[in-house]
């Protein structure tokens, strides 16, 4: 008499990973399609597609409409939206965790940047940041959008839905790792540079994503990683704007230190 297999169902696990990755990629593809259609419509109507308008359209349609629609549609398909859409007003303790997570993410960024510089590892540049270098006013628009749409939209799709789906099959810790890998990997299209540099940068994003995923599992509240994500992005956009707009003044001011 044969004994029942106790090995994990590799087929079911692979299907779950494929489903989770497919949902994330589906949201991205839907957003790109909406953005392209909107850009063509604006130009066809005779309006100028300014840098700020271009960024606003992209963020609203990608992180707002597309990510939100795909996440909600999937949650409804699973017949339990409340299991995946878990935004709620944060408690004082959760606000403290959000602040700690923001500082931790920035600290991780500083350490990773220092390691990459000391080892001369290749890195890729973010296309949005490159766009901001050419049009600094866009960075000021991205600061509030990071809190209003980027953080909530990306966390809803990749933490709420993708990580939530993976958790059902693998448990908490593997779900955080796998969701972070998916989240970091989908940023490949937003990076420019050599393949090696993109891979290194995706690895850095993976580390930051682990912080967001762990916070979500610890609190069960999507608002917490959304706040951290928004603050993390807004801080980088704000610092980039200051360095561009006031670079000469800052360089002169450093001579007064000491």
Protein backbone atom coordinates (compact mmCIF):
# COMPACT_ATOMS: atom_id res chain seq x y z
CA UNK A 1 0.00 0.00 0.00
CA UNK A 2 1.52 3.29 -1.09
CA UNK A 3 1.94 6.04 1.46
CA UNK A 4 0.38 9.46 0.70
CA UNK A 5 2.93 12.00 -0.43
CA UNK A 6 3.88 14.58 2.17
CA UNK A 7 5.86 16.68 -0.29
CA UNK A 8 4.49 20.15 -1.04
CA UNK A 9 2.28 20.43 -4.07
CA UNK A 10 4.83 22.06 -6.33
CA UNK A 11 2.30 22.47 -9.09
CA UNK A 12 -0.12 24.39 -6.89
CA UNK A 13 2.70 26.55 -5.55
CA UNK A 14 3.89 27.39 -9.06
CA UNK A 15 0.33 28.29 -10.09
CA UNK A 16 -0.02 30.61 -7.10
CA UNK A 17 3.25 32.38 -7.91
CA UNK A 18 2.21 32.68 -11.56
CA UNK A 19 -1.19 34.05 -10.55
CA UNK A 20 0.30 36.62 -8.17
CA UNK A 21 2.89 37.73 -10.71
CA UNK A 22 0.24 37.85 -13.42
CA UNK A 23 -1.96 40.14 -11.35
CA UNK A 24 0.95 42.51 -10.78
CA UNK A 25 2.00 42.50 -14.43
CA UNK A 26 -1.63 42.84 -15.49
CA UNK A 27 -2.02 46.01 -13.46
CA UNK A 28 1.16 47.38 -14.99
CA UNK A 29 0.11 46.55 -18.57
CA UNK A 30 -3.37 47.99 -18.03
CA UNK A 31 -1.86 51.19 -16.69
CA UNK A 32 0.54 51.56 -19.61
CA UNK A 33 -2.33 51.08 -22.05
CA UNK A 34 -4.49 53.68 -20.30
CA UNK A 35 -1.62 56.16 -20.22
CA UNK A 36 -0.91 55.71 -23.92
CA UNK A 37 -4.57 56.18 -24.87
CA UNK A 38 -4.87 59.26 -22.65
CA UNK A 39 -1.71 60.83 -24.09
CA UNK A 40 -2.97 60.33 -27.64
CA UNK A 41 -6.39 61.70 -26.70
CA UNK A 42 -4.91 64.83 -25.11
CA UNK A 43 -2.73 65.57 -28.11
CA UNK A 44 -5.52 64.80 -30.57
CA UNK A 45 -7.74 67.28 -28.74
CA UNK A 46 -5.12 69.94 -29.36
CA UNK A 47 -3.82 70.29 -25.81
CA UNK A 48 -0.12 70.49 -25.03
CA UNK A 49 1.19 67.49 -23.11
CA UNK A 50 3.39 69.38 -20.65
CA UNK A 51 5.88 67.52 -18.41
CA UNK A 52 3.71 68.04 -15.32
CA UNK A 53 0.54 66.93 -17.12
CA UNK A 54 2.34 63.88 -18.48
CA UNK A 55 3.44 62.81 -15.00
CA UNK A 56 0.00 63.46 -13.48
CA UNK A 57 -1.71 61.41 -16.20
CA UNK A 58 0.78 58.58 -15.78
CA UNK A 59 0.45 58.37 -11.99
CA UNK A 60 -3.33 58.82 -11.90
CA UNK A 61 -3.95 56.21 -14.60
CA UNK A 62 -1.27 53.71 -13.54
CA UNK A 63 -1.09 53.71 -9.75
CA UNK A 64 -4.58 55.12 -9.30
CA UNK A 65 -7.00 53.76 -11.89
CA UNK A 66 -5.19 50.68 -13.21
CA UNK A 67 -3.74 49.31 -9.97
CA UNK A 68 -6.93 50.09 -8.08
CA UNK A 69 -9.18 48.54 -10.72
CA UNK A 70 -7.14 45.35 -11.08
CA UNK A 71 -6.83 44.94 -7.31
CA UNK A 72 -10.55 45.47 -6.72
CA UNK A 73 -11.55 43.21 -9.62
CA UNK A 74 -9.33 40.42 -8.31
CA UNK A 75 -10.63 40.84 -4.77
CA UNK A 76 -14.22 40.66 -6.02
CA UNK A 77 -13.34 37.62 -8.10
CA UNK A 78 -12.11 35.96 -4.90
CA UNK A 79 -15.46 36.91 -3.26
CA UNK A 80 -13.81 38.60 -0.28
CA UNK A 81 -12.55 42.15 -0.95
CA UNK A 82 -11.99 42.79 2.75
CA UNK A 83 -9.32 40.08 2.82
CA UNK A 84 -7.15 41.93 0.31
CA UNK A 85 -8.20 45.58 0.70
CA UNK A 86 -7.25 46.32 4.30
CA UNK A 87 -6.86 50.08 4.53
CA UNK A 88 -7.90 51.58 7.85
CA UNK A 89 -7.11 54.67 9.90
CA UNK A 90 -3.79 53.93 11.63
CA UNK A 91 -3.50 53.90 15.40
CA UNK A 92 -0.89 56.00 17.18
CA UNK A 93 1.26 52.89 17.45
CA UNK A 94 0.94 52.25 13.72
CA UNK A 95 1.88 55.85 12.96
CA UNK A 96 5.00 55.30 15.03
CA UNK A 97 5.74 52.13 13.08
CA UNK A 98 5.27 54.04 9.83
CA UNK A 99 7.78 56.67 10.92
CA UNK A 100 10.22 53.95 11.99
CA UNK A 101 9.69 52.15 8.68
CA UNK A 102 10.33 55.35 6.73
CA UNK A 103 13.57 55.99 8.61
CA UNK A 104 14.54 52.35 8.25
CA UNK A 105 13.94 52.40 4.50
CA UNK A 106 16.00 55.57 4.12
CA UNK A 107 18.73 54.07 6.28
CA UNK A 108 18.76 50.95 4.13
CA UNK A 109 19.00 53.16 1.04
CA UNK A 110 22.02 54.99 2.46
CA UNK A 111 23.78 51.74 3.37
CA UNK A 112 23.04 50.13 0.01
CA UNK A 113 24.21 53.24 -1.85
CA UNK A 114 27.44 53.31 0.16
CA UNK A 115 28.11 49.63 -0.54
CA UNK A 116 27.43 50.03 -4.26
CA UNK A 117 29.71 53.06 -4.48
CA UNK A 118 32.53 51.41 -2.55
CA UNK A 119 32.39 48.31 -4.77
CA UNK A 120 31.91 50.27 -8.01
CA UNK A 121 28.89 48.10 -8.76
CA UNK A 122 26.91 49.13 -11.85
CA UNK A 123 23.51 50.69 -11.22
CA UNK A 124 20.60 51.82 -13.35
CA UNK A 125 18.84 55.16 -13.29
CA UNK A 126 15.12 55.63 -12.82
CA UNK A 127 13.40 57.11 -15.87
CA UNK A 128 11.13 59.26 -13.71
CA UNK A 129 14.16 60.69 -11.92
CA UNK A 130 15.84 61.31 -15.27
CA UNK A 131 12.71 63.12 -16.41
CA UNK A 132 12.81 65.15 -13.22
CA UNK A 133 16.39 66.18 -13.89
CA UNK A 134 15.25 67.69 -17.19
CA UNK A 135 12.03 69.14 -15.80
CA UNK A 136 12.53 69.86 -12.06
CA UNK A 137 8.98 71.20 -11.64
CA UNK A 138 7.74 67.64 -12.14
CA UNK A 139 9.44 66.61 -8.89
CA UNK A 140 7.26 69.03 -6.92
CA UNK A 141 4.17 67.37 -8.42
CA UNK A 142 5.48 63.92 -7.53
CA UNK A 143 5.87 64.74 -3.83
CA UNK A 144 2.12 64.91 -3.05
CA UNK A 145 1.31 62.23 -5.64
CA UNK A 146 3.63 59.86 -3.77
CA UNK A 147 1.34 60.06 -0.74
CA UNK A 148 -1.98 60.30 -2.58
CA UNK A 149 -1.60 57.64 -5.29
CA UNK A 150 1.82 56.02 -5.65
CA UNK A 151 2.08 54.62 -2.13
CA UNK A 152 -1.57 53.54 -1.74
CA UNK A 153 -1.88 52.21 -5.30
CA UNK A 154 1.30 50.14 -5.34
CA UNK A 155 0.78 48.81 -1.83
CA UNK A 156 -2.81 47.84 -2.58
CA UNK A 157 -1.79 45.80 -5.61
CA UNK A 158 1.55 44.35 -4.54
CA UNK A 159 1.08 44.03 -0.80
CA UNK A 160 -2.67 43.65 -0.46
CA UNK A 161 -3.36 41.44 -3.47
CA UNK A 162 -0.05 39.90 -4.55
CA UNK A 163 1.35 39.32 -1.06
CA UNK A 164 -2.08 38.38 0.25
CA UNK A 165 -2.47 35.71 -2.43
CA UNK A 166 0.99 34.29 -1.79
CA UNK A 167 0.36 34.22 1.96
CA UNK A 168 -2.56 31.83 1.48
CA UNK A 169 -0.28 29.24 -0.10
CA UNK A 170 3.14 29.83 1.47
CA UNK A 171 2.63 31.60 4.80
CA UNK A 172 3.81 35.03 5.90
CA UNK A 173 7.59 35.06 5.54
CA UNK A 174 7.77 33.39 2.10
CA UNK A 175 4.93 35.65 0.94
CA UNK A 176 6.88 38.76 1.93
CA UNK A 177 9.98 37.53 0.09
CA UNK A 178 8.15 36.44 -3.06
CA UNK A 179 5.97 39.56 -3.24
CA UNK A 180 9.05 41.73 -2.77
CA UNK A 181 10.79 39.91 -5.61
CA UNK A 182 7.79 40.44 -7.89
CA UNK A 183 7.46 44.10 -6.86
CA UNK A 184 11.14 44.83 -7.46
CA UNK A 185 11.21 42.94 -10.76
CA UNK A 186 8.31 44.85 -12.34
CA UNK A 187 10.40 48.02 -11.97
CA UNK A 188 12.68 46.69 -14.71
CA UNK A 189 10.76 48.67 -17.34
CA UNK A 190 11.14 51.92 -15.38
CA UNK A 191 14.93 51.64 -15.27
CA UNK A 192 17.44 52.67 -17.89
CA UNK A 193 20.97 51.42 -18.35
CA UNK A 194 22.83 48.16 -18.85
CA UNK A 195 21.30 44.85 -17.79
CA UNK A 196 23.80 44.38 -14.96
CA UNK A 197 22.97 47.80 -13.56
CA UNK A 198 19.26 47.09 -13.70
CA UNK A 199 19.69 43.80 -11.87
CA UNK A 200 21.72 45.49 -9.12
CA UNK A 201 19.13 48.24 -8.74
CA UNK A 202 16.30 45.70 -8.63
CA UNK A 203 18.20 43.97 -5.83
CA UNK A 204 18.28 47.24 -3.89
CA UNK A 205 14.55 47.74 -4.46
CA UNK A 206 13.98 44.20 -3.21
CA UNK A 207 15.55 45.10 0.15
CA UNK A 208 13.36 48.20 0.51
CA UNK A 209 10.32 46.14 -0.45
CA UNK A 210 11.06 43.67 2.34
CA UNK A 211 10.59 46.52 4.82
CA UNK A 212 7.19 47.36 3.34
CA UNK A 213 6.07 43.75 3.23
CA UNK A 214 7.15 43.07 6.81
CA UNK A 215 5.29 46.15 8.05
CA UNK A 216 2.12 44.99 6.35
CA UNK A 217 2.33 41.51 7.82
CA UNK A 218 3.02 42.94 11.28
CA UNK A 219 0.17 45.46 11.26
CA UNK A 220 -2.34 43.97 8.84
CA UNK A 221 -3.06 47.55 7.77
CA UNK A 222 -2.18 48.64 4.22
CA UNK A 223 -2.17 52.26 5.33
CA UNK A 224 1.13 51.70 7.17
CA UNK A 225 3.26 50.52 4.21
CA UNK A 226 1.43 53.01 1.97
CA UNK A 227 2.54 55.87 4.23
CA UNK A 228 6.10 54.55 4.37
CA UNK A 229 6.19 54.04 0.60
CA UNK A 230 4.80 57.51 -0.06
CA UNK A 231 7.17 59.19 2.40
CA UNK A 232 10.17 57.27 1.04
CA UNK A 233 9.45 58.33 -2.55
CA UNK A 234 8.49 61.89 -1.59
CA UNK A 235 11.73 62.31 0.36
CA UNK A 236 13.81 61.26 -2.62
CA UNK A 237 11.89 63.51 -5.02
CA UNK A 238 12.13 66.43 -2.61
CA UNK A 239 15.87 66.00 -2.07
CA UNK A 240 16.44 65.66 -5.81
CA UNK A 241 14.53 68.90 -6.43
CA UNK A 242 16.51 70.75 -3.75
CA UNK A 243 19.80 69.49 -5.19
CA UNK A 244 18.81 70.68 -8.66
CA UNK A 245 17.22 73.99 -7.74
CA UNK A 246 19.60 75.05 -4.99
CA UNK A 247 22.75 73.10 -5.76
CA UNK A 248 24.96 76.17 -6.09
CA UNK A 249 23.57 77.78 -2.94
CA UNK A 250 24.02 74.56 -0.96
CA UNK A 251 27.59 74.23 -2.13
CA UNK A 252 28.30 77.79 -1.01
CA UNK A 253 26.55 77.20 2.33
CA UNK A 254 28.76 74.20 3.14
CA UNK A 255 31.71 76.59 3.23
CA UNK A 256 30.17 78.23 6.30
CA UNK A 257 30.08 74.99 8.28
CA UNK A 258 32.64 74.17 10.95
